[in-house]
Amino acid sequence: MVGHHLSVERANAIADKLIEWRRTFHRFPELSFQEFETSRYIAKRLQKIAGINVEIGLGVETSVVGTLTSGDGPTIAIRADIDALPIDEQSECDYRSQNPGIMHACGHDAHAAILLGAAEILAKQFKEMDIQGTVKFIFQPAEESIDEEGMSGSPYLVQAGVYDGVDAAIALHMCPWLPVGEVQINDGYSMANVDVFQARIIGTGGHGAYPELGTDPTWMLGPVLQALHGIVSRKVPALEAAVISIGQIHAGTASNIIPTEVKIEGTIRSYSSEIRDLLSNEIQKAFSVVDRLDGEYSLEIQRGEPALVNHPSINDIFLKTIYEIYPNLGITKKPFGMGGEDFGYVTQILPGSMFFLGCAVADGVQRDLHTPIFDIDEKCLPIGAAILAQTARNFLIGEMSSTILPNKQVIQKSEV
């Protein structure tokens, strides 16, 4: 019992450092694949922790991986993302972003600080206690965006072998809809498959006064939109999670010119792979209406990150840890929503789980993820560090279910 409480004591003891690290990241946010100063800062801090071997640039130039090992035994990975968003911060706090148009609006600054804290706590525990095994501290770039290859940071790290030999992986995420002192956790599908479609409806266009002389793609758009918006309500079983949303429609240059084409873009969200495939097929059918209206169309569906699937046995260890070190912590058990999270690439190949950590600022203002006013109550930082560190320790000392069967498959680029 002393060991469990020790993680909390040590997390509380470094609370000021956690805040300092988080605010440094927040002041100097960097976009996906551009986290050069962020990764340098992380590597410098990790290199000061005795016993941790630091590797930089695995899979992505700005990745940082710290490894703490005592030799034989299981291996657990703890992952934090480190990139920011292209958002102009609207805040007067003294740690507001110093990089115009870039902001940590999804809590990755807190994730990175918490993981640094967990590394400090675990390094001391490895030195003082008989712990057999390995912990990998994975600071992952580019969770928010994809590159020209259509890949975010997670699949690059998987391909580079960062998760080879790992038996389980854990992570957390800021949760602004819960107060400090509460967490949200869920077994199975917890965040969505994220796909994007881009389409063009093509006609001849013509003079607005003589529509009968040509074909009008804006007219063809009507039945296509009706078909698209009917897919989820009429083609998807009511108990399945699915979303199709139109984000952009562009057409025309003048009021008296019928355009030659309409461009449409949208997002597709789902949990199961079967529904993911169904949605793609139905979107194809929706656009095929154009053929019967004397038009043409092109459609591209780009598959993004897979659904986050939380392993029940990893959640059991999370919950056991929380009950032991924070017995009064509030626990909500339900999915996190239809947002995307590229930690899903990891949970595809090995047992893993992510929980959401309550961080709401108690000022009555709803500071949602991905908004210009997002912020956190920093009292959540030591709670997150203690839970991650103690969960990893519990996993290594055998507090794990026999139902966890490691899968050593490695994702190839063609599969993502």
Protein backbone atom coordinates (compact mmCIF):
# COMPACT_ATOMS: atom_id res chain seq x y z
CA MET A 1 0.00 0.00 0.00
CA VAL A 2 2.93 2.31 0.72
CA GLY A 3 4.15 1.96 -2.83
CA HIS A 4 0.80 3.00 -4.25
CA HIS A 5 0.58 6.09 -2.06
CA LEU A 6 4.22 6.87 -2.83
CA SER A 7 3.33 7.58 -6.47
CA VAL A 8 0.78 10.16 -5.33
CA GLU A 9 3.22 11.76 -2.90
CA ARG A 10 5.90 11.98 -5.55
CA ALA A 11 3.50 13.36 -8.13
CA ASN A 12 2.39 16.03 -5.68
CA ALA A 13 6.03 16.81 -4.87
CA ILE A 14 6.75 17.65 -8.51
CA ALA A 15 3.49 19.55 -9.13
CA ASP A 16 5.37 22.83 -9.62
CA LYS A 17 7.62 21.22 -12.22
CA LEU A 18 4.63 19.73 -14.03
CA ILE A 19 3.07 23.19 -14.24
CA GLU A 20 6.34 24.73 -15.42
CA TRP A 21 6.75 22.11 -18.16
CA ARG A 22 3.14 22.40 -19.28
CA ARG A 23 3.29 26.19 -19.46
CA THR A 24 6.55 26.10 -21.40
CA PHE A 25 4.95 23.81 -23.98
CA HIS A 26 1.87 26.04 -24.02
CA ARG A 27 3.85 29.23 -24.62
CA PHE A 28 5.74 27.76 -27.56
CA PRO A 29 3.34 25.46 -29.45
CA GLU A 30 4.37 23.84 -32.72
CA LEU A 31 2.30 22.28 -35.49
CA SER A 32 2.34 18.63 -36.55
CA PHE A 33 5.70 17.41 -37.90
CA GLN A 34 7.28 20.74 -36.85
CA GLU A 35 7.75 20.10 -33.11
CA PHE A 36 11.50 20.76 -33.15
CA GLU A 37 11.83 22.94 -30.04
CA THR A 38 9.25 20.87 -28.19
CA SER A 39 11.12 17.62 -28.82
CA ARG A 40 14.48 19.20 -27.89
CA TYR A 41 13.00 20.38 -24.59
CA ILE A 42 11.56 16.92 -23.87
CA ALA A 43 14.80 15.13 -24.72
CA LYS A 44 16.81 17.48 -22.50
CA ARG A 45 14.49 16.80 -19.53
CA LEU A 46 14.52 13.03 -20.08
CA GLN A 47 18.31 12.95 -20.32
CA LYS A 48 18.48 14.38 -16.80
CA ILE A 49 16.60 11.40 -15.36
CA ALA A 50 18.98 8.68 -14.25
CA GLY A 51 18.41 5.31 -15.89
CA ILE A 52 16.48 6.47 -18.95
CA ASN A 53 17.95 5.91 -22.40
CA VAL A 54 16.75 8.57 -24.87
CA GLU A 55 16.26 8.11 -28.62
CA ILE A 56 15.28 10.92 -30.98
CA GLY A 57 13.79 10.82 -34.47
CA LEU A 58 12.37 7.28 -34.60
CA GLY A 59 9.78 7.19 -37.38
CA VAL A 60 9.35 10.98 -37.32
CA GLU A 61 12.19 13.50 -36.98
CA THR A 62 10.60 15.12 -33.92
CA SER A 63 9.76 11.97 -31.94
CA VAL A 64 11.36 11.28 -28.56
CA VAL A 65 11.39 7.86 -26.90
CA GLY A 66 12.78 7.23 -23.43
CA THR A 67 13.38 3.67 -22.24
CA LEU A 68 13.66 2.57 -18.61
CA THR A 69 14.52 -1.08 -18.10
CA SER A 70 15.68 -3.55 -15.49
CA GLY A 71 16.16 -6.38 -17.95
CA ASP A 72 13.84 -9.36 -18.35
CA GLY A 73 10.14 -8.88 -17.84
CA PRO A 74 7.12 -7.40 -19.62
CA THR A 75 7.24 -4.12 -21.54
CA ILE A 76 4.66 -1.35 -21.31
CA ALA A 77 4.56 1.84 -23.39
CA ILE A 78 3.13 5.14 -22.17
CA ARG A 79 2.34 7.52 -25.00
CA ALA A 80 1.79 11.29 -25.09
CA ASP A 81 1.23 13.45 -28.16
CA ILE A 82 3.11 16.75 -28.43
CA ASP A 83 1.77 18.79 -31.39
CA ALA A 84 -0.49 21.85 -31.34
CA LEU A 85 -3.28 23.20 -33.57
CA PRO A 86 -3.54 26.07 -36.09
CA ILE A 87 -5.73 28.15 -33.76
CA ASP A 88 -5.18 31.75 -32.62
CA GLU A 89 -5.44 31.67 -28.83
CA GLN A 90 -7.95 34.02 -27.19
CA SER A 91 -6.63 34.14 -23.66
CA GLU A 92 -5.03 36.70 -21.38
CA CYS A 93 -3.15 34.20 -19.20
CA ASP A 94 0.54 34.88 -18.74
CA TYR A 95 1.46 31.58 -20.41
CA ARG A 96 -0.58 32.20 -23.57
CA SER A 97 0.87 31.15 -26.92
CA GLN A 98 3.79 33.22 -28.20
CA ASN A 99 3.49 31.69 -31.67
CA PRO A 100 0.73 33.54 -33.59
CA GLY A 101 -1.95 31.31 -35.05
CA ILE A 102 -0.75 28.23 -33.15
CA MET A 103 -2.18 26.96 -29.87
CA HIS A 104 -2.23 23.92 -27.60
CA ALA A 105 -6.02 23.67 -27.78
CA CYS A 106 -6.23 19.91 -27.28
CA GLY A 107 -4.15 19.49 -24.13
CA HIS A 108 -1.06 17.95 -25.68
CA ASP A 109 1.04 20.35 -23.59
CA ALA A 110 -0.46 18.72 -20.50
CA HIS A 111 -0.04 15.21 -21.92
CA ALA A 112 3.68 15.79 -22.51
CA ALA A 113 4.23 17.33 -19.07
CA ILE A 114 2.36 14.46 -17.38
CA LEU A 115 4.48 11.88 -19.19
CA LEU A 116 7.68 13.64 -18.13
CA GLY A 117 6.36 13.47 -14.57
CA ALA A 118 5.54 9.76 -14.87
CA ALA A 119 9.09 9.17 -16.12
CA GLU A 120 10.55 10.87 -13.01
CA ILE A 121 8.32 8.87 -10.69
CA LEU A 122 9.02 5.51 -12.33
CA ALA A 123 12.78 6.10 -12.55
CA LYS A 124 12.87 6.47 -8.75
CA GLN A 125 10.71 3.39 -8.28
CA PHE A 126 12.97 1.30 -10.53
CA LYS A 127 15.95 2.38 -8.46
CA GLU A 128 14.34 1.64 -5.09
CA MET A 129 12.18 -1.42 -5.75
CA ASP A 130 12.49 -4.82 -7.37
CA ILE A 131 10.67 -4.11 -10.63
CA GLN A 132 11.38 -6.43 -13.55
CA GLY A 133 10.61 -5.17 -17.03
CA THR A 134 10.67 -2.14 -19.28
CA VAL A 135 8.76 1.12 -19.65
CA LYS A 136 8.89 3.08 -22.92
CA PHE A 137 7.96 6.75 -22.69
CA ILE A 138 6.76 7.68 -26.18
CA PHE A 139 6.44 11.37 -27.04
CA GLN A 140 4.65 11.24 -30.37
CA PRO A 141 4.50 14.08 -32.91
CA ALA A 142 1.72 14.81 -35.37
CA GLU A 143 -1.44 13.47 -33.80
CA GLU A 144 -3.56 16.31 -35.15
CA SER A 145 -2.63 16.33 -38.85
CA ILE A 146 -1.53 14.10 -41.69
CA ASP A 147 1.28 14.67 -44.19
CA GLU A 148 1.31 14.37 -47.96
CA GLU A 149 1.39 10.57 -47.55
CA GLY A 150 -1.88 10.71 -45.62
CA MET A 151 -0.19 9.61 -42.40
CA SER A 152 -0.13 11.06 -38.90
CA GLY A 153 2.64 10.41 -36.40
CA SER A 154 1.39 7.20 -34.83
CA PRO A 155 1.63 4.86 -37.86
CA TYR A 156 5.11 6.18 -38.60
CA LEU A 157 6.26 5.21 -35.11
CA VAL A 158 4.59 1.81 -35.45
CA GLN A 159 6.40 1.19 -38.75
CA ALA A 160 9.71 2.29 -37.23
CA GLY A 161 9.42 -0.47 -34.64
CA VAL A 162 8.83 1.77 -31.62
CA TYR A 163 6.10 -0.60 -30.40
CA ASP A 164 7.90 -3.84 -31.30
CA GLY A 165 8.15 -6.09 -28.26
CA VAL A 166 5.66 -3.95 -26.31
CA ASP A 167 3.09 -6.00 -24.40
CA ALA A 168 0.66 -3.18 -23.60
CA ALA A 169 0.28 0.57 -24.20
CA ILE A 170 -1.48 3.23 -22.14
CA ALA A 171 -2.29 6.92 -22.60
CA LEU A 172 -4.54 9.66 -21.28
CA HIS A 173 -6.36 12.66 -22.72
CA MET A 174 -7.54 15.93 -21.25
CA CYS A 175 -11.28 15.98 -20.51
CA PRO A 176 -12.76 19.50 -20.25
CA TRP A 177 -16.31 18.23 -19.69
CA LEU A 178 -15.31 16.67 -16.33
CA PRO A 179 -13.90 18.48 -13.28
CA VAL A 180 -10.56 17.70 -11.66
CA GLY A 181 -11.02 14.60 -9.53
CA GLU A 182 -12.95 12.62 -12.13
CA VAL A 183 -12.02 10.37 -15.05
CA GLN A 184 -13.86 8.81 -17.97
CA ILE A 185 -13.02 5.31 -19.13
CA ASN A 186 -14.61 2.88 -21.58
CA ASP A 187 -14.13 -0.69 -22.79
CA GLY A 188 -14.03 -1.36 -26.53
CA TYR A 189 -14.85 1.25 -29.18
CA SER A 190 -14.27 4.66 -27.58
CA MET A 191 -13.33 7.07 -30.40
CA ALA A 192 -14.09 6.93 -34.11
CA ASN A 193 -12.66 5.82 -37.41
CA VAL A 194 -12.02 9.10 -39.21
CA ASP A 195 -12.38 9.24 -43.01
CA VAL A 196 -12.68 12.21 -45.36
CA PHE A 197 -14.35 12.45 -48.76
CA GLN A 198 -13.70 14.93 -51.56
CA ALA A 199 -15.97 15.02 -54.59
CA ARG A 200 -16.71 17.00 -57.75
CA ILE A 201 -20.03 17.10 -59.59
CA ILE A 202 -19.39 18.12 -63.19
CA GLY A 203 -21.75 19.60 -65.78
CA THR A 204 -21.36 21.81 -68.84
CA GLY A 205 -22.37 25.04 -67.13
CA GLY A 206 -23.71 27.89 -69.22
CA HIS A 207 -25.53 31.20 -69.22
CA GLY A 208 -27.90 31.67 -66.27
CA ALA A 209 -30.62 32.90 -68.66
CA TYR A 210 -30.56 29.70 -70.77
CA PRO A 211 -30.26 26.70 -68.38
CA GLU A 212 -31.90 24.38 -70.91
CA LEU A 213 -28.83 24.63 -73.16
CA GLY A 214 -26.49 22.95 -70.68
CA THR A 215 -26.29 20.79 -67.59
CA ASP A 216 -26.27 22.32 -64.12
CA PRO A 217 -24.14 20.69 -61.36
CA THR A 218 -25.83 22.80 -58.67
CA TRP A 219 -29.16 21.20 -59.57
CA MET A 220 -27.54 17.75 -59.40
CA LEU A 221 -26.18 18.63 -55.97
CA GLY A 222 -29.71 18.64 -54.47
CA PRO A 223 -30.49 14.92 -54.74
CA VAL A 224 -26.89 14.04 -53.86
CA LEU A 225 -27.11 15.99 -50.59
CA GLN A 226 -30.47 14.41 -49.83
CA ALA A 227 -28.99 10.96 -50.38
CA LEU A 228 -25.90 11.73 -48.28
CA HIS A 229 -27.89 13.05 -45.35
CA GLY A 230 -30.19 10.00 -45.46
CA ILE A 231 -27.43 7.39 -45.20
CA VAL A 232 -27.03 7.39 -41.41
CA SER A 233 -30.76 7.57 -40.65
CA ARG A 234 -31.88 4.99 -43.23
CA LYS A 235 -28.92 2.70 -44.01
CA VAL A 236 -27.10 2.36 -40.67
CA PRO A 237 -28.62 0.24 -37.86
CA ALA A 238 -29.93 2.55 -35.14
CA LEU A 239 -27.67 1.06 -32.46
CA GLU A 240 -24.48 1.65 -34.46
CA ALA A 241 -22.36 4.81 -34.20
CA ALA A 242 -22.05 6.74 -37.48
CA VAL A 243 -21.78 10.32 -38.72
CA ILE A 244 -21.55 11.88 -42.19
CA SER A 245 -21.14 15.65 -42.20
CA ILE A 246 -20.66 18.03 -45.13
CA GLY A 247 -17.99 20.60 -44.33
CA GLN A 248 -17.46 22.44 -47.62
CA ILE A 249 -19.43 23.17 -50.81
CA HIS A 250 -17.89 25.44 -53.44
CA ALA A 251 -19.28 26.48 -56.83
CA GLY A 252 -19.58 29.38 -59.22
CA THR A 253 -18.01 32.74 -59.97
CA ALA A 254 -20.94 35.03 -60.82
CA SER A 255 -24.70 35.33 -60.36
CA ASN A 256 -25.54 34.84 -64.06
CA ILE A 257 -23.17 31.96 -64.82
CA ILE A 258 -24.14 28.34 -64.22
CA PRO A 259 -20.90 26.77 -62.95
CA THR A 260 -19.28 23.79 -64.60
CA GLU A 261 -18.62 22.01 -61.32
CA VAL A 262 -19.44 21.84 -57.62
CA LYS A 263 -16.81 20.74 -55.09
CA ILE A 264 -17.91 18.99 -51.89
CA GLU A 265 -15.91 17.81 -48.88
CA GLY A 266 -17.04 16.06 -45.75
CA THR A 267 -16.09 13.84 -42.82
CA ILE A 268 -17.15 10.25 -42.15
CA ARG A 269 -17.11 8.85 -38.60
CA SER A 270 -17.81 5.32 -37.40
CA TYR A 271 -16.82 2.78 -34.75
CA SER A 272 -16.92 -0.67 -36.36
CA SER A 273 -15.06 -1.63 -39.54
CA GLU A 274 -18.29 -3.01 -41.00
CA ILE A 275 -20.09 0.33 -40.66
CA ARG A 276 -16.99 2.10 -41.96
CA ASP A 277 -17.21 0.05 -45.17
CA LEU A 278 -20.99 0.49 -45.40
CA LEU A 279 -20.70 4.28 -45.20
CA SER A 280 -18.12 4.36 -48.00
CA ASN A 281 -20.28 2.18 -50.23
CA GLU A 282 -23.40 4.27 -49.61
CA ILE A 283 -21.56 7.51 -50.35
CA GLN A 284 -20.54 6.02 -53.70
CA LYS A 285 -24.21 5.23 -54.40
CA ALA A 286 -25.28 8.75 -53.40
CA PHE A 287 -22.99 10.35 -55.97
CA SER A 288 -23.96 7.83 -58.66
CA VAL A 289 -27.27 9.71 -58.94
CA VAL A 290 -25.31 12.26 -60.98
CA ASP A 291 -24.93 9.75 -63.83
CA ARG A 292 -28.71 9.67 -64.32
CA LEU A 293 -28.89 13.47 -64.39
CA ASP A 294 -26.54 13.76 -67.39
CA GLY A 295 -23.57 14.81 -65.29
CA GLU A 296 -20.27 13.33 -64.24
CA TYR A 297 -18.61 13.06 -60.86
CA SER A 298 -15.34 12.15 -59.18
CA LEU A 299 -15.13 10.89 -55.61
CA GLU A 300 -12.15 10.19 -53.38
CA ILE A 301 -12.52 8.71 -49.89
CA GLN A 302 -9.37 9.02 -47.79
CA ARG A 303 -9.12 6.69 -44.82
CA GLY A 304 -7.67 8.25 -41.69
CA GLU A 305 -6.98 6.88 -38.24
CA PRO A 306 -8.80 3.76 -37.09
CA ALA A 307 -11.16 3.68 -34.14
CA LEU A 308 -9.69 3.73 -30.64
CA VAL A 309 -10.46 0.33 -29.12
CA ASN A 310 -9.73 0.14 -25.39
CA HIS A 311 -8.78 -3.30 -24.07
CA PRO A 312 -10.93 -4.29 -21.06
CA SER A 313 -8.01 -5.92 -19.25
CA ILE A 314 -5.88 -2.77 -19.50
CA ASN A 315 -8.86 -0.81 -18.19
CA ASP A 316 -9.05 -3.26 -15.28
CA ILE A 317 -5.50 -2.26 -14.33
CA PHE A 318 -6.34 1.44 -14.70
CA LEU A 319 -9.37 1.01 -12.44
CA LYS A 320 -7.51 -1.09 -9.86
CA THR A 321 -4.80 1.57 -9.74
CA ILE A 322 -7.30 4.43 -9.40
CA TYR A 323 -9.21 2.66 -6.61
CA GLU A 324 -5.96 2.07 -4.73
CA ILE A 325 -4.28 5.47 -5.02
CA TYR A 326 -7.29 7.79 -5.48
CA PRO A 327 -10.20 5.90 -3.85
CA ASN A 328 -12.45 8.97 -3.98
CA LEU A 329 -11.91 9.74 -7.67
CA GLY A 330 -15.17 9.92 -9.67
CA ILE A 331 -15.36 7.45 -12.57
CA THR A 332 -17.62 7.77 -15.61
CA LYS A 333 -17.89 4.72 -17.87
CA LYS A 334 -18.97 5.60 -21.42
CA PRO A 335 -17.39 6.19 -24.86
CA PHE A 336 -15.53 9.45 -25.46
CA GLY A 337 -17.41 10.36 -28.64
CA MET A 338 -16.92 10.49 -32.42
CA GLY A 339 -13.68 12.45 -32.38
CA GLY A 340 -10.53 10.87 -33.77
CA GLU A 341 -7.37 9.76 -31.96
CA ASP A 342 -4.40 8.23 -33.75
CA PHE A 343 -3.56 6.14 -30.66
CA GLY A 344 -6.07 3.88 -32.45
CA TYR A 345 -3.18 2.67 -34.64
CA VAL A 346 -1.57 1.32 -31.47
CA THR A 347 -4.69 -0.35 -30.07
CA GLN A 348 -5.04 -2.08 -33.46
CA ILE A 349 -1.86 -4.08 -32.91
CA LEU A 350 -1.55 -4.63 -29.16
CA PRO A 351 -3.62 -4.39 -25.96
CA GLY A 352 -3.93 -0.75 -25.04
CA SER A 353 -6.23 1.82 -23.52
CA MET A 354 -6.64 5.57 -23.09
CA PHE A 355 -8.65 7.26 -20.36
CA PHE A 356 -9.89 10.86 -20.17
CA LEU A 357 -8.73 12.95 -17.22
CA GLY A 358 -11.03 15.63 -15.81
CA CYS A 359 -9.44 19.06 -16.21
CA ALA A 360 -12.28 21.60 -16.36
CA VAL A 361 -11.51 25.07 -15.06
CA ALA A 362 -14.07 25.83 -12.34
CA ASP A 363 -15.10 29.25 -13.66
CA GLY A 364 -18.39 28.35 -15.32
CA VAL A 365 -16.97 28.75 -18.84
CA GLN A 366 -17.09 25.74 -21.15
CA ARG A 367 -13.55 25.50 -22.54
CA ASP A 368 -13.96 22.79 -25.17
CA LEU A 369 -11.18 20.97 -26.99
CA HIS A 370 -10.09 22.68 -30.25
CA THR A 371 -11.44 26.10 -29.24
CA PRO A 372 -9.45 29.37 -28.87
CA ILE A 373 -10.28 29.58 -25.16
CA PHE A 374 -9.35 26.00 -24.19
CA ASP A 375 -7.45 25.75 -20.91
CA ILE A 376 -7.12 23.32 -18.01
CA ASP A 377 -7.09 23.31 -14.24
CA GLU A 378 -3.47 22.36 -13.63
CA LYS A 379 -4.38 20.45 -10.46
CA CYS A 380 -5.07 17.55 -12.84
CA LEU A 381 -1.39 17.23 -13.77
CA PRO A 382 -0.08 15.30 -10.73
CA ILE A 383 -3.19 13.09 -10.78
CA GLY A 384 -2.45 12.08 -14.36
CA ALA A 385 1.24 11.48 -13.66
CA ALA A 386 0.51 9.32 -10.61
CA ILE A 387 -2.11 7.20 -12.41
CA LEU A 388 0.11 6.56 -15.45
CA ALA A 389 3.18 5.76 -13.34
CA GLN A 390 1.36 3.46 -10.94
CA THR A 391 -0.56 1.70 -13.72
CA ALA A 392 2.72 0.94 -15.49
CA ARG A 393 4.22 -0.36 -12.24
CA ASN A 394 1.16 -2.53 -11.53
CA PHE A 395 1.39 -3.99 -15.02
CA LEU A 396 5.08 -4.84 -14.61
CA ILE A 397 4.68 -6.50 -11.21
CA GLY A 398 2.00 -8.79 -12.58
CA GLU A 399 -1.23 -6.97 -11.82
CA MET A 400 -2.55 -7.98 -15.21
CA SER A 401 -5.28 -10.20 -16.55
CA SER A 402 -4.38 -13.48 -18.21
CA THR A 403 -6.75 -12.50 -21.02
CA ILE A 404 -4.16 -10.06 -22.38
CA LEU A 405 -2.61 -11.76 -25.37
CA PRO A 406 0.12 -9.58 -26.91
CA ASN A 407 -0.08 -9.21 -30.68
CA LYS A 408 3.32 -8.55 -32.22
CA GLN A 409 1.97 -7.66 -35.68
CA VAL A 410 3.61 -4.63 -37.28
CA ILE A 411 1.57 -2.30 -39.49
CA GLN A 412 2.95 -1.96 -42.99
CA LYS A 413 2.51 1.33 -44.83
CA SER A 414 0.10 -0.21 -47.33
CA GLU A 415 -2.25 -1.15 -44.49
CA VAL A 416 -2.68 2.40 -43.25
